[in-house]
Amino acid sequence: MPDLEMRPAEWLLMSDGRIRRVVTVGTELVAYDAWQRARIRKCACGAPAIRETCGAAACVARLWAAERS
């Protein structure tokens, strides 16, 4: 995804021995995959959007109606 900023890899050793990729946000560690999902653009319906909408017929119709007004 081109709009994601490049961050150096950070890793956290979990108590059960697993290694997990994390991102520091402020002073908090966040799982890398959760951080990526949070940065994905959302449609008005809540689904991931490609540009302005998710592509569903109802969402596209809503976008066209908003542009006409």
C-alpha atoms as a PDB file:
ATOM      1  CA  MET A   1       0.000   0.000   0.000  1.00  0.00           C
ATOM      2  CA  PRO A   2       1.688   3.179  -1.143  1.00  0.00           C
ATOM      3  CA  ASP A   3       0.219   5.515   1.497  1.00  0.00           C
ATOM      4  CA  LEU A   4       1.651   3.523   4.394  1.00  0.00           C
ATOM      5  CA  GLU A   5       4.717   5.155   5.793  1.00  0.00           C
ATOM      6  CA  MET A   6       7.856   3.062   5.860  1.00  0.00           C
ATOM      7  CA  ARG A   7       8.823   2.091   9.397  1.00  0.00           C
ATOM      8  CA  PRO A   8      11.769   0.087  10.606  1.00  0.00           C
ATOM      9  CA  ALA A   9      10.884  -3.405  11.785  1.00  0.00           C
ATOM     10  CA  GLU A  10      10.210  -3.714  15.508  1.00  0.00           C
ATOM     11  CA  TRP A  11       9.806  -7.091  17.150  1.00  0.00           C
ATOM     12  CA  LEU A  12       8.428  -8.146  20.529  1.00  0.00           C
ATOM     13  CA  LEU A  13       9.169 -11.451  22.260  1.00  0.00           C
ATOM     14  CA  MET A  14       5.935 -12.766  23.786  1.00  0.00           C
ATOM     15  CA  SER A  15       5.906 -14.650  27.106  1.00  0.00           C
ATOM     16  CA  ASP A  16       5.028 -17.920  25.326  1.00  0.00           C
ATOM     17  CA  GLY A  17       8.117 -17.668  23.104  1.00  0.00           C
ATOM     18  CA  ARG A  18       6.448 -16.307  19.950  1.00  0.00           C
ATOM     19  CA  ILE A  19       7.954 -13.306  18.199  1.00  0.00           C
ATOM     20  CA  ARG A  20       5.500 -10.645  17.012  1.00  0.00           C
ATOM     21  CA  ARG A  21       6.013  -7.636  14.737  1.00  0.00           C
ATOM     22  CA  VAL A  22       4.855  -4.408  16.388  1.00  0.00           C
ATOM     23  CA  VAL A  23       4.715  -0.675  15.676  1.00  0.00           C
ATOM     24  CA  THR A  24       5.285   2.078  18.210  1.00  0.00           C
ATOM     25  CA  VAL A  25       2.442   4.609  18.117  1.00  0.00           C
ATOM     26  CA  GLY A  26       3.220   7.399  20.541  1.00  0.00           C
ATOM     27  CA  THR A  27       4.283   5.485  23.642  1.00  0.00           C
ATOM     28  CA  GLU A  28       2.206   2.370  22.904  1.00  0.00           C
ATOM     29  CA  LEU A  29       3.113  -0.861  21.095  1.00  0.00           C
ATOM     30  CA  VAL A  30       0.498  -1.965  18.542  1.00  0.00           C
ATOM     31  CA  ALA A  31       0.480  -5.198  16.529  1.00  0.00           C
ATOM     32  CA  TYR A  32       1.709  -4.463  12.995  1.00  0.00           C
ATOM     33  CA  ASP A  33      -1.269  -6.104  11.240  1.00  0.00           C
ATOM     34  CA  ALA A  34      -3.756  -4.164  13.411  1.00  0.00           C
ATOM     35  CA  TRP A  35      -1.897  -0.932  12.633  1.00  0.00           C
ATOM     36  CA  GLN A  36      -2.083  -1.657   8.896  1.00  0.00           C
ATOM     37  CA  ARG A  37      -5.818  -2.445   9.024  1.00  0.00           C
ATOM     38  CA  ALA A  38      -6.490   0.783  10.915  1.00  0.00           C
ATOM     39  CA  ARG A  39      -4.802   2.797   8.154  1.00  0.00           C
ATOM     40  CA  ILE A  40      -6.846   1.309   5.272  1.00  0.00           C
ATOM     41  CA  ARG A  41      -9.340   3.800   3.838  1.00  0.00           C
ATOM     42  CA  LYS A  42     -12.964   2.991   4.697  1.00  0.00           C
ATOM     43  CA  CYS A  43     -16.168   3.442   2.677  1.00  0.00           C
ATOM     44  CA  ALA A  44     -19.172   5.186   4.265  1.00  0.00           C
ATOM     45  CA  CYS A  45     -20.654   1.719   4.907  1.00  0.00           C
ATOM     46  CA  GLY A  46     -17.524   0.685   6.831  1.00  0.00           C
ATOM     47  CA  ALA A  47     -16.077  -1.711   4.250  1.00  0.00           C
ATOM     48  CA  PRO A  48     -12.530  -1.229   2.897  1.00  0.00           C
ATOM     49  CA  ALA A  49     -12.600   1.306   0.041  1.00  0.00           C
ATOM     50  CA  ILE A  50     -10.596   1.218  -3.165  1.00  0.00           C
ATOM     51  CA  ARG A  51     -10.957   4.960  -3.718  1.00  0.00           C
ATOM     52  CA  GLU A  52     -14.076   6.696  -2.375  1.00  0.00           C
ATOM     53  CA  THR A  53     -16.320   3.611  -2.110  1.00  0.00           C
ATOM     54  CA  CYS A  54     -16.159  -0.130  -1.668  1.00  0.00           C
ATOM     55  CA  GLY A  55     -17.829  -0.597  -5.057  1.00  0.00           C
ATOM     56  CA  ALA A  56     -21.190  -1.882  -3.817  1.00  0.00           C
ATOM     57  CA  ALA A  57     -24.121  -0.612  -5.899  1.00  0.00           C
ATOM     58  CA  ALA A  58     -25.717   1.244  -2.964  1.00  0.00           C
ATOM     59  CA  CYS A  59     -22.450   2.997  -2.104  1.00  0.00           C
ATOM     60  CA  VAL A  60     -21.773   4.025  -5.700  1.00  0.00           C
ATOM     61  CA  ALA A  61     -25.334   5.372  -5.988  1.00  0.00           C
ATOM     62  CA  ARG A  62     -24.823   7.358  -2.769  1.00  0.00           C
ATOM     63  CA  LEU A  63     -21.577   8.804  -4.171  1.00  0.00           C
ATOM     64  CA  TRP A  64     -23.279   9.814  -7.458  1.00  0.00           C
ATOM     65  CA  ALA A  65     -26.177  11.425  -5.554  1.00  0.00           C
ATOM     66  CA  ALA A  66     -23.727  13.420  -3.406  1.00  0.00           C
ATOM     67  CA  GLU A  67     -21.858  14.658  -6.495  1.00  0.00           C
ATOM     68  CA  ARG A  68     -25.087  15.790  -8.190  1.00  0.00           C
ATOM     69  CA  SER A  69     -26.187  17.891  -5.209  1.00  0.00           C
END
